[in-house]
Every structure is written in structure tokens, then in C-alpha cells.
PDB file of N, CA and C in Angstrom:
ATOM      1  N   HIS A   1       0.805  -1.200   0.000  1.00  0.00           N
ATOM      2  CA  HIS A   1       0.000   0.000   0.000  1.00  0.00           C
ATOM      3  C   HIS A   1       0.850   1.267   0.000  1.00  0.00           C
ATOM      4  N   GLU A   2       2.131   1.102  -0.210  1.00  0.00           N
ATOM      5  CA  GLU A   2       3.025   2.261  -0.259  1.00  0.00           C
ATOM      6  C   GLU A   2       2.896   2.966  -1.611  1.00  0.00           C
ATOM      7  N   LYS A   3       3.102   4.274  -1.621  1.00  0.00           N
ATOM      8  CA  LYS A   3       3.010   5.060  -2.845  1.00  0.00           C
ATOM      9  C   LYS A   3       4.260   5.916  -3.008  1.00  0.00           C
ATOM     10  N   LEU A   4       4.573   6.244  -4.259  1.00  0.00           N
ATOM     11  CA  LEU A   4       5.811   6.955  -4.573  1.00  0.00           C
ATOM     12  C   LEU A   4       5.949   8.289  -3.858  1.00  0.00           C
ATOM     13  N   ASP A   5       4.832   8.930  -3.580  1.00  0.00           N
ATOM     14  CA  ASP A   5       4.877  10.242  -2.937  1.00  0.00           C
ATOM     15  C   ASP A   5       4.896  10.163  -1.411  1.00  0.00           C
ATOM     16  N   GLY A   6       4.952   8.947  -0.871  1.00  0.00           N
ATOM     17  CA  GLY A   6       4.999   8.772   0.579  1.00  0.00           C
ATOM     18  C   GLY A   6       3.634   8.776   1.248  1.00  0.00           C
ATOM     19  N   SER A   7       2.558   8.853   0.454  1.00  0.00           N
ATOM     20  CA  SER A   7       1.216   8.927   1.025  1.00  0.00           C
ATOM     21  C   SER A   7       0.626   7.564   1.379  1.00  0.00           C
ATOM     22  N   GLY A   8       1.333   6.492   1.061  1.00  0.00           N
ATOM     23  CA  GLY A   8       0.818   5.149   1.349  1.00  0.00           C
ATOM     24  C   GLY A   8       1.034   4.751   2.797  1.00  0.00           C
ATOM     25  N   TYR A   9       0.783   3.481   3.053  1.00  0.00           N
ATOM     26  CA  TYR A   9       0.939   2.965   4.407  1.00  0.00           C
ATOM     27  C   TYR A   9       1.447   1.540   4.325  1.00  0.00           C
ATOM     28  N   PRO A  10       2.017   0.975   5.342  1.00  0.00           N
ATOM     29  CA  PRO A  10       2.055   1.427   6.730  1.00  0.00           C
ATOM     30  C   PRO A  10       3.284   2.277   7.069  1.00  0.00           C
ATOM     31  N   LEU A  11       4.309   2.263   6.205  1.00  0.00           N
ATOM     32  CA  LEU A  11       5.562   2.940   6.560  1.00  0.00           C
ATOM     33  C   LEU A  11       5.738   4.295   5.888  1.00  0.00           C
ATOM     34  N   HIS A  12       4.832   4.688   5.011  1.00  0.00           N
ATOM     35  CA  HIS A  12       4.918   5.957   4.291  1.00  0.00           C
ATOM     36  C   HIS A  12       6.240   6.097   3.539  1.00  0.00           C
ATOM     37  N   LEU A  13       6.635   4.996   2.888  1.00  0.00           N
ATOM     38  CA  LEU A  13       7.856   5.014   2.083  1.00  0.00           C
ATOM     39  C   LEU A  13       7.616   5.856   0.838  1.00  0.00           C
ATOM     40  N   ASN A  14       8.696   6.411   0.272  1.00  0.00           N
ATOM     41  CA  ASN A  14       8.552   7.183  -0.956  1.00  0.00           C
ATOM     42  C   ASN A  14       9.355   6.528  -2.077  1.00  0.00           C
ATOM     43  N   HIS A  15       9.434   7.207  -3.207  1.00  0.00           N
ATOM     44  CA  HIS A  15      10.057   6.655  -4.413  1.00  0.00           C
ATOM     45  C   HIS A  15      11.481   6.175  -4.200  1.00  0.00           C
ATOM     46  N   ARG A  16      12.200   6.747  -3.263  1.00  0.00           N
ATOM     47  CA  ARG A  16      13.588   6.325  -3.029  1.00  0.00           C
ATOM     48  C   ARG A  16      13.680   4.896  -2.502  1.00  0.00           C
ATOM     49  N   TYR A  17      12.622   4.421  -1.891  1.00  0.00           N
ATOM     50  CA  TYR A  17      12.622   3.100  -1.257  1.00  0.00           C
ATOM     51  C   TYR A  17      11.778   2.083  -2.003  1.00  0.00           C
ATOM     52  N   LEU A  18      11.060   2.512  -3.022  1.00  0.00           N
ATOM     53  CA  LEU A  18      10.152   1.614  -3.731  1.00  0.00           C
ATOM     54  C   LEU A  18      10.732   1.231  -5.085  1.00  0.00           C
ATOM     55  N   HIS A  19      11.144  -0.016  -5.195  1.00  0.00           N
ATOM     56  CA  HIS A  19      11.748  -0.529  -6.416  1.00  0.00           C
ATOM     57  C   HIS A  19      10.660  -1.058  -7.350  1.00  0.00           C
ATOM     58  N   LEU A  20      11.049  -1.469  -8.539  1.00  0.00           N
ATOM     59  CA  LEU A  20      10.080  -1.877  -9.546  1.00  0.00           C
ATOM     60  C   LEU A  20       9.079  -2.921  -9.037  1.00  0.00           C
ATOM     61  N   PRO A  21       9.504  -3.988  -8.367  1.00  0.00           N
ATOM     62  CA  PRO A  21       8.503  -4.944  -7.875  1.00  0.00           C
ATOM     63  C   PRO A  21       7.468  -4.300  -6.935  1.00  0.00           C
ATOM     64  N   ASP A  22       7.920  -3.388  -6.086  1.00  0.00           N
ATOM     65  CA  ASP A  22       7.003  -2.683  -5.184  1.00  0.00           C
ATOM     66  C   ASP A  22       6.009  -1.836  -5.969  1.00  0.00           C
ATOM     67  N   ARG A  23       6.482  -1.207  -7.012  1.00  0.00           N
ATOM     68  CA  ARG A  23       5.646  -0.330  -7.830  1.00  0.00           C
ATOM     69  C   ARG A  23       4.605  -1.139  -8.604  1.00  0.00           C
ATOM     70  N   ILE A  24       5.019  -2.306  -9.089  1.00  0.00           N
ATOM     71  CA  ILE A  24       4.091  -3.194  -9.807  1.00  0.00           C
ATOM     72  C   ILE A  24       3.009  -3.689  -8.858  1.00  0.00           C
ATOM     73  N   ILE A  25       3.410  -4.125  -7.689  1.00  0.00           N
ATOM     74  CA  ILE A  25       2.444  -4.632  -6.706  1.00  0.00           C
ATOM     75  C   ILE A  25       1.455  -3.545  -6.312  1.00  0.00           C
ATOM     76  N   ALA A  26       1.906  -2.322  -6.147  1.00  0.00           N
ATOM     77  CA  ALA A  26       1.013  -1.230  -5.758  1.00  0.00           C
ATOM     78  C   ALA A  26      -0.071  -1.015  -6.803  1.00  0.00           C
ATOM     79  N   VAL A  27       0.316  -0.955  -8.066  1.00  0.00           N
ATOM     80  CA  VAL A  27      -0.656  -0.730  -9.139  1.00  0.00           C
ATOM     81  C   VAL A  27      -1.577  -1.939  -9.283  1.00  0.00           C
ATOM     82  N   ALA A  28      -1.010  -3.136  -9.242  1.00  0.00           N
ATOM     83  CA  ALA A  28      -1.820  -4.353  -9.377  1.00  0.00           C
ATOM     84  C   ALA A  28      -2.820  -4.486  -8.238  1.00  0.00           C
ATOM     85  N   ASP A  29      -2.401  -4.174  -7.035  1.00  0.00           N
ATOM     86  CA  ASP A  29      -3.284  -4.272  -5.873  1.00  0.00           C
ATOM     87  C   ASP A  29      -4.460  -3.305  -6.002  1.00  0.00           C
ATOM     88  N   ILE A  30      -4.190  -2.104  -6.420  1.00  0.00           N
ATOM     89  CA  ILE A  30      -5.264  -1.116  -6.572  1.00  0.00           C
ATOM     90  C   ILE A  30      -6.218  -1.545  -7.678  1.00  0.00           C
ATOM     91  N   PHE A  31      -5.678  -1.988  -8.808  1.00  0.00           N
ATOM     92  CA  PHE A  31      -6.529  -2.421  -9.927  1.00  0.00           C
ATOM     93  C   PHE A  31      -7.453  -3.554  -9.501  1.00  0.00           C
ATOM     94  N   THR A  32      -6.893  -4.584  -8.883  1.00  0.00           N
ATOM     95  CA  THR A  32      -7.745  -5.711  -8.486  1.00  0.00           C
ATOM     96  C   THR A  32      -8.750  -5.308  -7.419  1.00  0.00           C
ATOM     97  N   ALA A  33      -8.351  -4.457  -6.488  1.00  0.00           N
ATOM     98  CA  ALA A  33      -9.279  -4.008  -5.448  1.00  0.00           C
ATOM     99  C   ALA A  33     -10.459  -3.250  -6.049  1.00  0.00           C
ATOM    100  N   LEU A  34     -10.225  -2.515  -7.114  1.00  0.00           N
ATOM    101  CA  LEU A  34     -11.291  -1.730  -7.722  1.00  0.00           C
ATOM    102  C   LEU A  34     -12.222  -2.563  -8.602  1.00  0.00           C
ATOM    103  N   VAL A  35     -11.673  -3.538  -9.337  1.00  0.00           N
ATOM    104  CA  VAL A  35     -12.503  -4.273 -10.298  1.00  0.00           C
ATOM    105  C   VAL A  35     -13.145  -5.532  -9.729  1.00  0.00           C
ATOM    106  N   GLU A  36     -12.631  -6.058  -8.638  1.00  0.00           N
ATOM    107  CA  GLU A  36     -13.224  -7.264  -8.044  1.00  0.00           C
ATOM    108  C   GLU A  36     -14.476  -6.920  -7.257  1.00  0.00           C
ATOM    109  N   ASP A  37     -15.438  -7.834  -7.295  1.00  0.00           N
ATOM    110  CA  ASP A  37     -16.597  -7.711  -6.413  1.00  0.00           C
ATOM    111  C   ASP A  37     -16.145  -7.916  -4.978  1.00  0.00           C
ATOM    112  N   ARG A  38     -16.694  -7.146  -4.097  1.00  0.00           N
ATOM    113  CA  ARG A  38     -16.432  -7.268  -2.665  1.00  0.00           C
ATOM    114  C   ARG A  38     -17.761  -7.510  -1.970  1.00  0.00           C
ATOM    115  N   PRO A  39     -17.761  -8.032  -0.759  1.00  0.00           N
ATOM    116  CA  PRO A  39     -19.036  -8.280  -0.074  1.00  0.00           C
ATOM    117  C   PRO A  39     -19.882  -7.018   0.081  1.00  0.00           C
ATOM    118  N   TYR A  40     -19.246  -5.876   0.121  1.00  0.00           N
ATOM    119  CA  TYR A  40     -19.946  -4.624   0.375  1.00  0.00           C
ATOM    120  C   TYR A  40     -20.200  -3.789  -0.881  1.00  0.00           C
ATOM    121  N   ARG A  41     -19.686  -4.235  -2.066  1.00  0.00           N
ATOM    122  CA  ARG A  41     -19.927  -3.501  -3.308  1.00  0.00           C
ATOM    123  C   ARG A  41     -19.506  -4.347  -4.504  1.00  0.00           C
ATOM    124  N   LEU A  42     -20.081  -4.005  -5.660  1.00  0.00           N
ATOM    125  CA  LEU A  42     -19.692  -4.660  -6.903  1.00  0.00           C
ATOM    126  C   LEU A  42     -18.424  -4.004  -7.438  1.00  0.00           C
ATOM    127  N   GLY A  43     -17.633  -4.781  -8.168  1.00  0.00           N
ATOM    128  CA  GLY A  43     -16.452  -4.235  -8.808  1.00  0.00           C
ATOM    129  C   GLY A  43     -16.838  -3.224  -9.880  1.00  0.00           C
ATOM    130  N   MET A  44     -15.955  -2.280 -10.128  1.00  0.00           N
ATOM    131  CA  MET A  44     -16.246  -1.257 -11.135  1.00  0.00           C
ATOM    132  C   MET A  44     -15.699  -1.690 -12.483  1.00  0.00           C
ATOM    133  N   PRO A  45     -16.192  -1.105 -13.561  1.00  0.00           N
ATOM    134  CA  PRO A  45     -15.634  -1.391 -14.890  1.00  0.00           C
ATOM    135  C   PRO A  45     -14.142  -1.039 -14.923  1.00  0.00           C
ATOM    136  N   TYR A  46     -13.379  -1.811 -15.671  1.00  0.00           N
ATOM    137  CA  TYR A  46     -11.929  -1.590 -15.665  1.00  0.00           C
ATOM    138  C   TYR A  46     -11.557  -0.211 -16.199  1.00  0.00           C
ATOM    139  N   GLN A  47     -12.370   0.348 -17.095  1.00  0.00           N
ATOM    140  CA  GLN A  47     -12.076   1.678 -17.627  1.00  0.00           C
ATOM    141  C   GLN A  47     -12.135   2.733 -16.510  1.00  0.00           C
ATOM    142  N   GLU A  48     -13.096   2.579 -15.624  1.00  0.00           N
ATOM    143  CA  GLU A  48     -13.212   3.506 -14.499  1.00  0.00           C
ATOM    144  C   GLU A  48     -12.036   3.336 -13.538  1.00  0.00           C
ATOM    145  N   ALA A  49     -11.641   2.076 -13.310  1.00  0.00           N
ATOM    146  CA  ALA A  49     -10.489   1.809 -12.448  1.00  0.00           C
ATOM    147  C   ALA A  49      -9.225   2.447 -13.032  1.00  0.00           C
ATOM    148  N   LEU A  50      -9.051   2.324 -14.349  1.00  0.00           N
ATOM    149  CA  LEU A  50      -7.887   2.939 -14.992  1.00  0.00           C
ATOM    150  C   LEU A  50      -7.886   4.449 -14.803  1.00  0.00           C
ATOM    151  N   HIS A  51      -9.049   5.051 -14.901  1.00  0.00           N
ATOM    152  CA  HIS A  51      -9.144   6.507 -14.719  1.00  0.00           C
ATOM    153  C   HIS A  51      -8.705   6.901 -13.301  1.00  0.00           C
ATOM    154  N   LEU A  52      -9.163   6.159 -12.305  1.00  0.00           N
ATOM    155  CA  LEU A  52      -8.779   6.463 -10.921  1.00  0.00           C
ATOM    156  C   LEU A  52      -7.280   6.265 -10.704  1.00  0.00           C
ATOM    157  N   ILE A  53      -6.739   5.189 -11.262  1.00  0.00           N
ATOM    158  CA  ILE A  53      -5.298   4.927 -11.127  1.00  0.00           C
ATOM    159  C   ILE A  53      -4.504   6.005 -11.853  1.00  0.00           C
ATOM    160  N   GLU A  54      -4.978   6.422 -13.027  1.00  0.00           N
ATOM    161  CA  GLU A  54      -4.290   7.474 -13.776  1.00  0.00           C
ATOM    162  C   GLU A  54      -4.207   8.771 -12.962  1.00  0.00           C
ATOM    163  N   THR A  55      -5.229   9.054 -12.203  1.00  0.00           N
ATOM    164  CA  THR A  55      -5.203  10.239 -11.342  1.00  0.00           C
ATOM    165  C   THR A  55      -4.061  10.151 -10.343  1.00  0.00           C
ATOM    166  N   ASP A  56      -3.859   8.969  -9.754  1.00  0.00           N
ATOM    167  CA  ASP A  56      -2.731   8.784  -8.833  1.00  0.00           C
ATOM    168  C   ASP A  56      -1.395   8.895  -9.556  1.00  0.00           C
ATOM    169  N   VAL A  57      -1.337   8.440 -10.805  1.00  0.00           N
ATOM    170  CA  VAL A  57      -0.106   8.581 -11.596  1.00  0.00           C
ATOM    171  C   VAL A  57       0.185  10.055 -11.835  1.00  0.00           C
ATOM    172  N   ILE A  58      -0.824  10.793 -12.261  1.00  0.00           N
ATOM    173  CA  ILE A  58      -0.661  12.227 -12.532  1.00  0.00           C
ATOM    174  C   ILE A  58      -0.215  12.966 -11.274  1.00  0.00           C
ATOM    175  N   ASN A  59      -0.746  12.552 -10.133  1.00  0.00           N
ATOM    176  CA  ASN A  59      -0.404  13.204  -8.868  1.00  0.00           C
ATOM    177  C   ASN A  59       0.920  12.718  -8.278  1.00  0.00           C
ATOM    178  N   GLY A  60       1.606  11.797  -8.966  1.00  0.00           N
ATOM    179  CA  GLY A  60       2.920  11.339  -8.527  1.00  0.00           C
ATOM    180  C   GLY A  60       2.904  10.239  -7.484  1.00  0.00           C
ATOM    181  N   ALA A  61       1.746   9.623  -7.269  1.00  0.00           N
ATOM    182  CA  ALA A  61       1.662   8.574  -6.249  1.00  0.00           C
ATOM    183  C   ALA A  61       1.990   7.191  -6.796  1.00  0.00           C
ATOM    184  N   LEU A  62       1.773   6.977  -8.105  1.00  0.00           N
ATOM    185  CA  LEU A  62       2.019   5.675  -8.719  1.00  0.00           C
ATOM    186  C   LEU A  62       2.910   5.822  -9.943  1.00  0.00           C
ATOM    187  N   ASP A  63       3.586   4.748 -10.289  1.00  0.00           N
ATOM    188  CA  ASP A  63       4.566   4.723 -11.374  1.00  0.00           C
ATOM    189  C   ASP A  63       3.886   4.789 -12.741  1.00  0.00           C
ATOM    190  N   ASN A  64       4.268   5.753 -13.550  1.00  0.00           N
ATOM    191  CA  ASN A  64       3.689   5.927 -14.879  1.00  0.00           C
ATOM    192  C   ASN A  64       3.976   4.747 -15.799  1.00  0.00           C
ATOM    193  N   ASP A  65       5.197   4.244 -15.814  1.00  0.00           N
ATOM    194  CA  ASP A  65       5.542   3.136 -16.712  1.00  0.00           C
ATOM    195  C   ASP A  65       4.742   1.883 -16.370  1.00  0.00           C
ATOM    196  N   VAL A  66       4.580   1.607 -15.096  1.00  0.00           N
ATOM    197  CA  VAL A  66       3.785   0.449 -14.671  1.00  0.00           C
ATOM    198  C   VAL A  66       2.325   0.655 -15.086  1.00  0.00           C
ATOM    199  N   TYR A  67       1.824   1.853 -14.908  1.00  0.00           N
ATOM    200  CA  TYR A  67       0.450   2.162 -15.316  1.00  0.00           C
ATOM    201  C   TYR A  67       0.274   1.951 -16.821  1.00  0.00           C
ATOM    202  N   LEU A  68       1.233   2.376 -17.630  1.00  0.00           N
ATOM    203  CA  LEU A  68       1.116   2.218 -19.077  1.00  0.00           C
ATOM    204  C   LEU A  68       1.032   0.750 -19.478  1.00  0.00           C
ATOM    205  N   VAL A  69       1.785  -0.107 -18.814  1.00  0.00           N
ATOM    206  CA  VAL A  69       1.701  -1.549 -19.086  1.00  0.00           C
ATOM    207  C   VAL A  69       0.328  -2.075 -18.669  1.00  0.00           C
ATOM    208  N   LEU A  70      -0.144  -1.658 -17.510  1.00  0.00           N
ATOM    209  CA  LEU A  70      -1.487  -2.060 -17.078  1.00  0.00           C
ATOM    210  C   LEU A  70      -2.524  -1.617 -18.099  1.00  0.00           C
ATOM    211  N   ARG A  71      -2.458  -0.374 -18.519  1.00  0.00           N
ATOM    212  CA  ARG A  71      -3.442   0.152 -19.473  1.00  0.00           C
ATOM    213  C   ARG A  71      -3.439  -0.647 -20.770  1.00  0.00           C
ATOM    214  N   GLN A  72      -2.245  -1.050 -21.216  1.00  0.00           N
ATOM    215  CA  GLN A  72      -2.115  -1.812 -22.455  1.00  0.00           C
ATOM    216  C   GLN A  72      -2.793  -3.180 -22.339  1.00  0.00           C
ATOM    217  N   HIS A  73      -2.810  -3.765 -21.142  1.00  0.00           N
ATOM    218  CA  HIS A  73      -3.333  -5.116 -20.949  1.00  0.00           C
ATOM    219  C   HIS A  73      -4.578  -5.153 -20.055  1.00  0.00           C
ATOM    220  N   ALA A  74      -5.181  -4.018 -19.800  1.00  0.00           N
ATOM    221  CA  ALA A  74      -6.252  -3.918 -18.797  1.00  0.00           C
ATOM    222  C   ALA A  74      -7.451  -4.798 -19.103  1.00  0.00           C
ATOM    223  N   GLU A  75      -7.885  -4.839 -20.337  1.00  0.00           N
ATOM    224  CA  GLU A  75      -9.068  -5.648 -20.652  1.00  0.00           C
ATOM    225  C   GLU A  75      -8.808  -7.125 -20.368  1.00  0.00           C
ATOM    226  N   GLU A  76      -7.682  -7.624 -20.820  1.00  0.00           N
ATOM    227  CA  GLU A  76      -7.335  -9.029 -20.579  1.00  0.00           C
ATOM    228  C   GLU A  76      -7.178  -9.301 -19.082  1.00  0.00           C
ATOM    229  N   LEU A  77      -6.514  -8.419 -18.379  1.00  0.00           N
ATOM    230  CA  LEU A  77      -6.330  -8.601 -16.937  1.00  0.00           C
ATOM    231  C   LEU A  77      -7.668  -8.552 -16.203  1.00  0.00           C
ATOM    232  N   HIS A  78      -8.547  -7.677 -16.648  1.00  0.00           N
ATOM    233  CA  HIS A  78      -9.874  -7.595 -16.041  1.00  0.00           C
ATOM    234  C   HIS A  78     -10.600  -8.925 -16.180  1.00  0.00           C
ATOM    235  N   HIS A  79     -10.516  -9.538 -17.353  1.00  0.00           N
ATOM    236  CA  HIS A  79     -11.143 -10.843 -17.563  1.00  0.00           C
ATOM    237  C   HIS A  79     -10.533 -11.890 -16.632  1.00  0.00           C
ATOM    238  N   LEU A  80      -9.228 -11.850 -16.458  1.00  0.00           N
ATOM    239  CA  LEU A  80      -8.574 -12.819 -15.572  1.00  0.00           C
ATOM    240  C   LEU A  80      -8.961 -12.603 -14.110  1.00  0.00           C
ATOM    241  N   VAL A  81      -8.987 -11.348 -13.692  1.00  0.00           N
ATOM    242  CA  VAL A  81      -9.276 -11.027 -12.286  1.00  0.00           C
ATOM    243  C   VAL A  81     -10.720 -11.328 -11.935  1.00  0.00           C
ATOM    244  N   THR A  82     -11.621 -11.015 -12.847  1.00  0.00           N
ATOM    245  CA  THR A  82     -13.046 -11.175 -12.543  1.00  0.00           C
ATOM    246  C   THR A  82     -13.616 -12.470 -13.095  1.00  0.00           C
ATOM    247  N   ARG A  83     -12.821 -13.220 -13.811  1.00  0.00           N
ATOM    248  CA  ARG A  83     -13.231 -14.509 -14.373  1.00  0.00           C
ATOM    249  C   ARG A  83     -14.448 -14.411 -15.283  1.00  0.00           C
ATOM    250  N   ILE A  84     -14.491 -13.336 -16.038  1.00  0.00           N
ATOM    251  CA  ILE A  84     -15.565 -13.173 -17.030  1.00  0.00           C
ATOM    252  C   ILE A  84     -15.143 -13.917 -18.284  1.00  0.00           C
ATOM    253  N   PRO A  85     -15.955 -14.867 -18.755  1.00  0.00           N
ATOM    254  CA  PRO A  85     -15.553 -15.587 -19.971  1.00  0.00           C
ATOM    255  C   PRO A  85     -15.509 -14.653 -21.183  1.00  0.00           C
ATOM    256  N   ARG A  86     -14.545 -14.852 -22.021  1.00  0.00           N
ATOM    257  CA  ARG A  86     -14.428 -14.061 -23.240  1.00  0.00           C
ATOM    258  C   ARG A  86     -15.468 -14.520 -24.241  1.00  0.00           C
ATOM    259  N   LEU A  87     -15.936 -13.567 -25.034  1.00  0.00           N
ATOM    260  CA  LEU A  87     -16.921 -13.879 -26.076  1.00  0.00           C
ATOM    261  C   LEU A  87     -16.235 -14.280 -27.354  1.00  0.00           C
TER     262      LEU A  87
END
């Protein structure tokens, strides 16, 4: 849950301490949390999740390069995460 700008938790680490694997996990965790159904709410469309993640990228909280890879594969990843059969 750490973010590049230090706004994450639990240690409030910033970009100096977050290496590529940490950055990938942060983006992946947010994407899956947004698109998966939860007991208290339905998952959102992946396009909406990308928009929210992009806002964090613009604000310097998440890695732009990792986001670009996610965006390139978002539809396929959404199908994998939510187990929606492809047509």
C-alpha cells in the first residue's frame, strides 16, 4: 500500500525506497481491489479503475511506466481477475 509520494501505508515510504517490484504490486493491488466484487460492493468497470489509477499517476503517487503496461493489458487482466468468460 506504499506510494511513490509517501502517502501510502504502513511505513509511508517514498520513491527512493520503492523498487520496480514494489511499484508493480502497488498498481496491481489497486486495480484488483477496484474491479473485483467485494461483499460490500460490486467491482467497477476496468475503464473507471484505470481513470482512478491514472489520477494517482498524474499526482505522482504511482509509477507511470507500470500504469502504461497495465493500461495496455487492462481488458485481458480484467477478464482474468473477474473470471468473465471471453466472447
